[in-house]
């Protein structure tokens, strides 16, 4: 399953993404991270961090069942679109799950966003929240500009919506179940 995490700077995106990466590592599954900075990610056996998209793609095609993390996905998709399309359109055939992290959903190509099944939305500008509400058919996402730091809306394309809190020291906590159509 592919996931898109979006939100403004310091909203909690990286905290949530690092939690998912640590969970994969703890389960003994590989994690490949494409990040121009590479700070704050788990390290150790089964974890590969790189700023090189070609090397990232090469390694992803050589393994199975990994979490493929693309931080700064808005920038990466704009610069290396071919690799990003592969991550969201074909990597699932190798058992991979993609986790794309971006500040603004419109920075990520629509064909890449549309391949994601789950959206975790932290606080955003109203215009960006509107884009997500329309694309995900979930008007509740228009409420994201009102979220406090570390709180996010979670929407599955084929299922539920919820309000969650991302905690630096542990697993995210569901605060409330929400109707997709609004608060």
C-alpha atoms as a PDB file:
ATOM      1  CA  UNK A   1       0.000   0.000   0.000  1.00  0.00           C
ATOM      2  CA  UNK A   2       1.360   3.422  -0.943  1.00  0.00           C
ATOM      3  CA  UNK A   3       0.975   6.382   1.403  1.00  0.00           C
ATOM      4  CA  UNK A   4       1.322  10.138   1.019  1.00  0.00           C
ATOM      5  CA  UNK A   5       2.218  12.276   4.053  1.00  0.00           C
ATOM      6  CA  UNK A   6       1.801  16.037   3.578  1.00  0.00           C
ATOM      7  CA  UNK A   7       2.019  19.066   5.822  1.00  0.00           C
ATOM      8  CA  UNK A   8       3.769  22.315   6.483  1.00  0.00           C
ATOM      9  CA  UNK A   9       7.266  22.523   7.955  1.00  0.00           C
ATOM     10  CA  UNK A  10       7.471  21.173  11.531  1.00  0.00           C
ATOM     11  CA  UNK A  11       3.888  19.868  11.472  1.00  0.00           C
ATOM     12  CA  UNK A  12       4.966  16.308  12.336  1.00  0.00           C
ATOM     13  CA  UNK A  13       5.466  14.616   8.932  1.00  0.00           C
ATOM     14  CA  UNK A  14       8.997  13.387   9.608  1.00  0.00           C
ATOM     15  CA  UNK A  15       8.067  12.110  13.067  1.00  0.00           C
ATOM     16  CA  UNK A  16       5.324   9.961  11.536  1.00  0.00           C
ATOM     17  CA  UNK A  17       7.469   8.776   8.620  1.00  0.00           C
ATOM     18  CA  UNK A  18      10.324   7.816  10.970  1.00  0.00           C
ATOM     19  CA  UNK A  19       7.846   5.831  13.093  1.00  0.00           C
ATOM     20  CA  UNK A  20       6.819   3.778  10.042  1.00  0.00           C
ATOM     21  CA  UNK A  21      10.467   3.223   9.084  1.00  0.00           C
ATOM     22  CA  UNK A  22      11.347   2.072  12.624  1.00  0.00           C
ATOM     23  CA  UNK A  23       8.344  -0.305  12.571  1.00  0.00           C
ATOM     24  CA  UNK A  24       9.608  -1.942   9.377  1.00  0.00           C
ATOM     25  CA  UNK A  25      13.118  -2.271  10.786  1.00  0.00           C
ATOM     26  CA  UNK A  26      11.747  -3.820  14.010  1.00  0.00           C
ATOM     27  CA  UNK A  27       9.821  -6.369  11.906  1.00  0.00           C
ATOM     28  CA  UNK A  28      13.027  -7.301  10.060  1.00  0.00           C
ATOM     29  CA  UNK A  29      11.874  -5.784   6.771  1.00  0.00           C
ATOM     30  CA  UNK A  30      14.127  -3.645   4.563  1.00  0.00           C
ATOM     31  CA  UNK A  31      13.786   0.140   4.430  1.00  0.00           C
ATOM     32  CA  UNK A  32      15.187   2.200   1.554  1.00  0.00           C
ATOM     33  CA  UNK A  33      15.230   5.961   2.026  1.00  0.00           C
ATOM     34  CA  UNK A  34      15.666   8.599  -0.675  1.00  0.00           C
ATOM     35  CA  UNK A  35      16.299  11.879   1.109  1.00  0.00           C
ATOM     36  CA  UNK A  36      18.533  14.792   0.120  1.00  0.00           C
ATOM     37  CA  UNK A  37      19.418  15.432   3.786  1.00  0.00           C
ATOM     38  CA  UNK A  38      19.107  12.040   5.500  1.00  0.00           C
ATOM     39  CA  UNK A  39      18.708  13.217   9.092  1.00  0.00           C
ATOM     40  CA  UNK A  40      16.530  11.454  11.680  1.00  0.00           C
ATOM     41  CA  UNK A  41      16.035   8.111   9.961  1.00  0.00           C
ATOM     42  CA  UNK A  42      16.694   4.766  11.624  1.00  0.00           C
ATOM     43  CA  UNK A  43      19.992   3.116  10.829  1.00  0.00           C
ATOM     44  CA  UNK A  44      21.343  -0.400  11.000  1.00  0.00           C
ATOM     45  CA  UNK A  45      20.853  -3.699   9.272  1.00  0.00           C
ATOM     46  CA  UNK A  46      18.306  -3.597   6.454  1.00  0.00           C
ATOM     47  CA  UNK A  47      18.286   0.208   6.167  1.00  0.00           C
ATOM     48  CA  UNK A  48      19.706   2.056   3.182  1.00  0.00           C
ATOM     49  CA  UNK A  49      19.750   5.842   2.948  1.00  0.00           C
ATOM     50  CA  UNK A  50      20.809   7.674  -0.196  1.00  0.00           C
ATOM     51  CA  UNK A  51      20.396  11.038  -1.901  1.00  0.00           C
ATOM     52  CA  UNK A  52      20.951   9.411  -5.319  1.00  0.00           C
ATOM     53  CA  UNK A  53      17.657   8.472  -7.058  1.00  0.00           C
ATOM     54  CA  UNK A  54      19.353   6.124  -9.513  1.00  0.00           C
ATOM     55  CA  UNK A  55      21.007   4.156  -6.704  1.00  0.00           C
ATOM     56  CA  UNK A  56      17.718   4.164  -4.765  1.00  0.00           C
ATOM     57  CA  UNK A  57      15.844   2.705  -7.759  1.00  0.00           C
ATOM     58  CA  UNK A  58      18.587   0.174  -8.447  1.00  0.00           C
ATOM     59  CA  UNK A  59      18.507  -1.114  -4.856  1.00  0.00           C
ATOM     60  CA  UNK A  60      14.695  -1.122  -4.725  1.00  0.00           C
ATOM     61  CA  UNK A  61      14.568  -3.344  -7.813  1.00  0.00           C
ATOM     62  CA  UNK A  62      16.988  -5.803  -6.193  1.00  0.00           C
ATOM     63  CA  UNK A  63      15.004  -6.458  -3.003  1.00  0.00           C
ATOM     64  CA  UNK A  64      11.464  -7.478  -2.077  1.00  0.00           C
ATOM     65  CA  UNK A  65       8.928  -6.329   0.507  1.00  0.00           C
ATOM     66  CA  UNK A  66      10.633  -3.068   1.470  1.00  0.00           C
ATOM     67  CA  UNK A  67       9.339   0.245   2.657  1.00  0.00           C
ATOM     68  CA  UNK A  68      10.449   2.796   0.047  1.00  0.00           C
ATOM     69  CA  UNK A  69      10.584   6.212   1.706  1.00  0.00           C
ATOM     70  CA  UNK A  70      10.864   9.303  -0.484  1.00  0.00           C
ATOM     71  CA  UNK A  71      11.358  12.401   1.648  1.00  0.00           C
ATOM     72  CA  UNK A  72      10.977  15.798   0.012  1.00  0.00           C
ATOM     73  CA  UNK A  73       8.822  13.978  -2.551  1.00  0.00           C
ATOM     74  CA  UNK A  74       7.675  17.232  -4.118  1.00  0.00           C
ATOM     75  CA  UNK A  75      11.259  18.065  -5.008  1.00  0.00           C
ATOM     76  CA  UNK A  76      12.169  14.502  -5.992  1.00  0.00           C
ATOM     77  CA  UNK A  77       9.173  14.085  -8.281  1.00  0.00           C
ATOM     78  CA  UNK A  78       9.928  17.355 -10.029  1.00  0.00           C
ATOM     79  CA  UNK A  79      13.570  16.429 -10.581  1.00  0.00           C
ATOM     80  CA  UNK A  80      13.464  12.643 -10.969  1.00  0.00           C
ATOM     81  CA  UNK A  81       9.941  11.925 -12.180  1.00  0.00           C
ATOM     82  CA  UNK A  82      10.749   8.635 -13.933  1.00  0.00           C
ATOM     83  CA  UNK A  83      11.999   7.000 -10.731  1.00  0.00           C
ATOM     84  CA  UNK A  84       9.072   8.313  -8.706  1.00  0.00           C
ATOM     85  CA  UNK A  85       6.564   6.941 -11.171  1.00  0.00           C
ATOM     86  CA  UNK A  86       8.212   3.522 -10.876  1.00  0.00           C
ATOM     87  CA  UNK A  87       8.049   3.717  -7.083  1.00  0.00           C
ATOM     88  CA  UNK A  88       4.287   4.273  -7.116  1.00  0.00           C
ATOM     89  CA  UNK A  89       3.218   2.340 -10.217  1.00  0.00           C
ATOM     90  CA  UNK A  90       5.378  -0.782 -10.313  1.00  0.00           C
ATOM     91  CA  UNK A  91       7.176  -1.295  -7.002  1.00  0.00           C
ATOM     92  CA  UNK A  92       4.103  -2.978  -5.492  1.00  0.00           C
ATOM     93  CA  UNK A  93       4.757  -5.915  -7.847  1.00  0.00           C
ATOM     94  CA  UNK A  94       7.934  -6.512  -5.814  1.00  0.00           C
ATOM     95  CA  UNK A  95       5.980  -6.355  -2.546  1.00  0.00           C
ATOM     96  CA  UNK A  96       7.107  -2.826  -1.728  1.00  0.00           C
ATOM     97  CA  UNK A  97       5.114  -0.121  -0.004  1.00  0.00           C
ATOM     98  CA  UNK A  98       5.944   3.490  -0.822  1.00  0.00           C
ATOM     99  CA  UNK A  99       5.874   6.309   1.707  1.00  0.00           C
ATOM    100  CA  UNK A 100       6.049   9.740   0.069  1.00  0.00           C
ATOM    101  CA  UNK A 101       6.632  12.785   2.271  1.00  0.00           C
ATOM    102  CA  UNK A 102       6.020  16.310   0.955  1.00  0.00           C
ATOM    103  CA  UNK A 103       5.211  19.776   2.242  1.00  0.00           C
ATOM    104  CA  UNK A 104       2.532  20.474  -0.357  1.00  0.00           C
ATOM    105  CA  UNK A 105       0.419  17.902  -2.227  1.00  0.00           C
ATOM    106  CA  UNK A 106       0.394  19.932  -5.484  1.00  0.00           C
ATOM    107  CA  UNK A 107       4.208  19.648  -5.581  1.00  0.00           C
ATOM    108  CA  UNK A 108       3.818  15.891  -6.125  1.00  0.00           C
ATOM    109  CA  UNK A 109       2.728  14.927  -9.640  1.00  0.00           C
ATOM    110  CA  UNK A 110      -0.987  14.041  -9.814  1.00  0.00           C
ATOM    111  CA  UNK A 111      -0.302  10.591 -11.333  1.00  0.00           C
ATOM    112  CA  UNK A 112       1.962   9.837  -8.357  1.00  0.00           C
ATOM    113  CA  UNK A 113      -0.541  11.163  -5.774  1.00  0.00           C
ATOM    114  CA  UNK A 114      -3.294   9.095  -7.372  1.00  0.00           C
ATOM    115  CA  UNK A 115      -1.352   5.871  -6.822  1.00  0.00           C
ATOM    116  CA  UNK A 116      -1.419   6.364  -3.043  1.00  0.00           C
ATOM    117  CA  UNK A 117      -4.113   4.540  -1.127  1.00  0.00           C
ATOM    118  CA  UNK A 118      -3.682   6.338   2.195  1.00  0.00           C
ATOM    119  CA  UNK A 119      -3.204  10.027   2.948  1.00  0.00           C
ATOM    120  CA  UNK A 120      -1.907  11.471   6.218  1.00  0.00           C
ATOM    121  CA  UNK A 121      -2.575  15.194   6.150  1.00  0.00           C
ATOM    122  CA  UNK A 122      -1.063  17.580   8.688  1.00  0.00           C
ATOM    123  CA  UNK A 123      -1.779  21.310   8.715  1.00  0.00           C
ATOM    124  CA  UNK A 124      -1.784  22.829   5.223  1.00  0.00           C
ATOM    125  CA  UNK A 125      -2.717  26.031   3.440  1.00  0.00           C
ATOM    126  CA  UNK A 126      -6.458  26.134   2.627  1.00  0.00           C
ATOM    127  CA  UNK A 127      -5.815  25.889  -1.147  1.00  0.00           C
ATOM    128  CA  UNK A 128      -3.782  22.701  -0.677  1.00  0.00           C
ATOM    129  CA  UNK A 129      -6.386  21.214   1.660  1.00  0.00           C
ATOM    130  CA  UNK A 130      -9.024  21.844  -1.008  1.00  0.00           C
ATOM    131  CA  UNK A 131      -6.962  19.933  -3.611  1.00  0.00           C
ATOM    132  CA  UNK A 132      -6.801  16.930  -1.272  1.00  0.00           C
ATOM    133  CA  UNK A 133     -10.494  17.098  -0.362  1.00  0.00           C
ATOM    134  CA  UNK A 134     -11.448  16.960  -4.039  1.00  0.00           C
ATOM    135  CA  UNK A 135      -8.942  14.265  -5.079  1.00  0.00           C
ATOM    136  CA  UNK A 136      -9.741  12.001  -2.132  1.00  0.00           C
ATOM    137  CA  UNK A 137     -13.507  12.706  -2.185  1.00  0.00           C
ATOM    138  CA  UNK A 138     -13.272  13.582   1.499  1.00  0.00           C
ATOM    139  CA  UNK A 139     -14.464  17.096   2.372  1.00  0.00           C
ATOM    140  CA  UNK A 140     -13.238  16.560   5.946  1.00  0.00           C
ATOM    141  CA  UNK A 141      -9.719  17.241   4.605  1.00  0.00           C
ATOM    142  CA  UNK A 142     -10.637  20.926   4.189  1.00  0.00           C
ATOM    143  CA  UNK A 143     -10.288  21.136   7.971  1.00  0.00           C
ATOM    144  CA  UNK A 144      -6.529  20.459   7.931  1.00  0.00           C
ATOM    145  CA  UNK A 145      -5.522  24.154   8.124  1.00  0.00           C
ATOM    146  CA  UNK A 146      -7.003  24.178  11.656  1.00  0.00           C
ATOM    147  CA  UNK A 147      -4.911  21.259  12.947  1.00  0.00           C
ATOM    148  CA  UNK A 148      -2.366  21.800  15.700  1.00  0.00           C
ATOM    149  CA  UNK A 149       1.226  20.587  15.447  1.00  0.00           C
ATOM    150  CA  UNK A 150       1.532  16.756  15.446  1.00  0.00           C
ATOM    151  CA  UNK A 151      -2.177  16.209  14.700  1.00  0.00           C
ATOM    152  CA  UNK A 152      -3.183  14.818  11.317  1.00  0.00           C
ATOM    153  CA  UNK A 153      -6.141  13.574   9.338  1.00  0.00           C
ATOM    154  CA  UNK A 154      -5.904  10.051   7.954  1.00  0.00           C
ATOM    155  CA  UNK A 155      -7.991   9.016   4.958  1.00  0.00           C
ATOM    156  CA  UNK A 156      -8.061   5.718   3.100  1.00  0.00           C
ATOM    157  CA  UNK A 157      -9.287   5.894  -0.519  1.00  0.00           C
ATOM    158  CA  UNK A 158     -11.651   2.994   0.120  1.00  0.00           C
ATOM    159  CA  UNK A 159     -12.414   3.350   3.780  1.00  0.00           C
ATOM    160  CA  UNK A 160     -12.351   5.355   6.913  1.00  0.00           C
ATOM    161  CA  UNK A 161     -11.136   8.760   8.029  1.00  0.00           C
ATOM    162  CA  UNK A 162      -9.717   9.673  11.402  1.00  0.00           C
ATOM    163  CA  UNK A 163      -8.027  12.321  13.488  1.00  0.00           C
ATOM    164  CA  UNK A 164      -4.678  11.184  14.885  1.00  0.00           C
ATOM    165  CA  UNK A 165      -1.803  12.498  16.969  1.00  0.00           C
ATOM    166  CA  UNK A 166       1.782  11.699  16.022  1.00  0.00           C
ATOM    167  CA  UNK A 167       3.954  11.203  19.101  1.00  0.00           C
ATOM    168  CA  UNK A 168       7.745  11.479  18.892  1.00  0.00           C
ATOM    169  CA  UNK A 169       8.312   8.712  21.446  1.00  0.00           C
ATOM    170  CA  UNK A 170       5.902   6.128  20.089  1.00  0.00           C
ATOM    171  CA  UNK A 171       3.067   5.027  17.875  1.00  0.00           C
ATOM    172  CA  UNK A 172       0.491   7.497  16.571  1.00  0.00           C
ATOM    173  CA  UNK A 173      -2.729   7.592  18.595  1.00  0.00           C
ATOM    174  CA  UNK A 174      -6.209   7.769  17.062  1.00  0.00           C
ATOM    175  CA  UNK A 175      -8.063  10.684  18.637  1.00  0.00           C
ATOM    176  CA  UNK A 176     -11.366  10.345  16.787  1.00  0.00           C
ATOM    177  CA  UNK A 177     -13.122   8.551  13.925  1.00  0.00           C
ATOM    178  CA  UNK A 178     -14.489  11.034  11.418  1.00  0.00           C
ATOM    179  CA  UNK A 179     -17.034  10.904   8.631  1.00  0.00           C
ATOM    180  CA  UNK A 180     -15.358  11.400   5.264  1.00  0.00           C
ATOM    181  CA  UNK A 181     -17.877  14.111   4.492  1.00  0.00           C
ATOM    182  CA  UNK A 182     -16.910  16.527   7.300  1.00  0.00           C
ATOM    183  CA  UNK A 183     -16.537  17.196  11.000  1.00  0.00           C
END
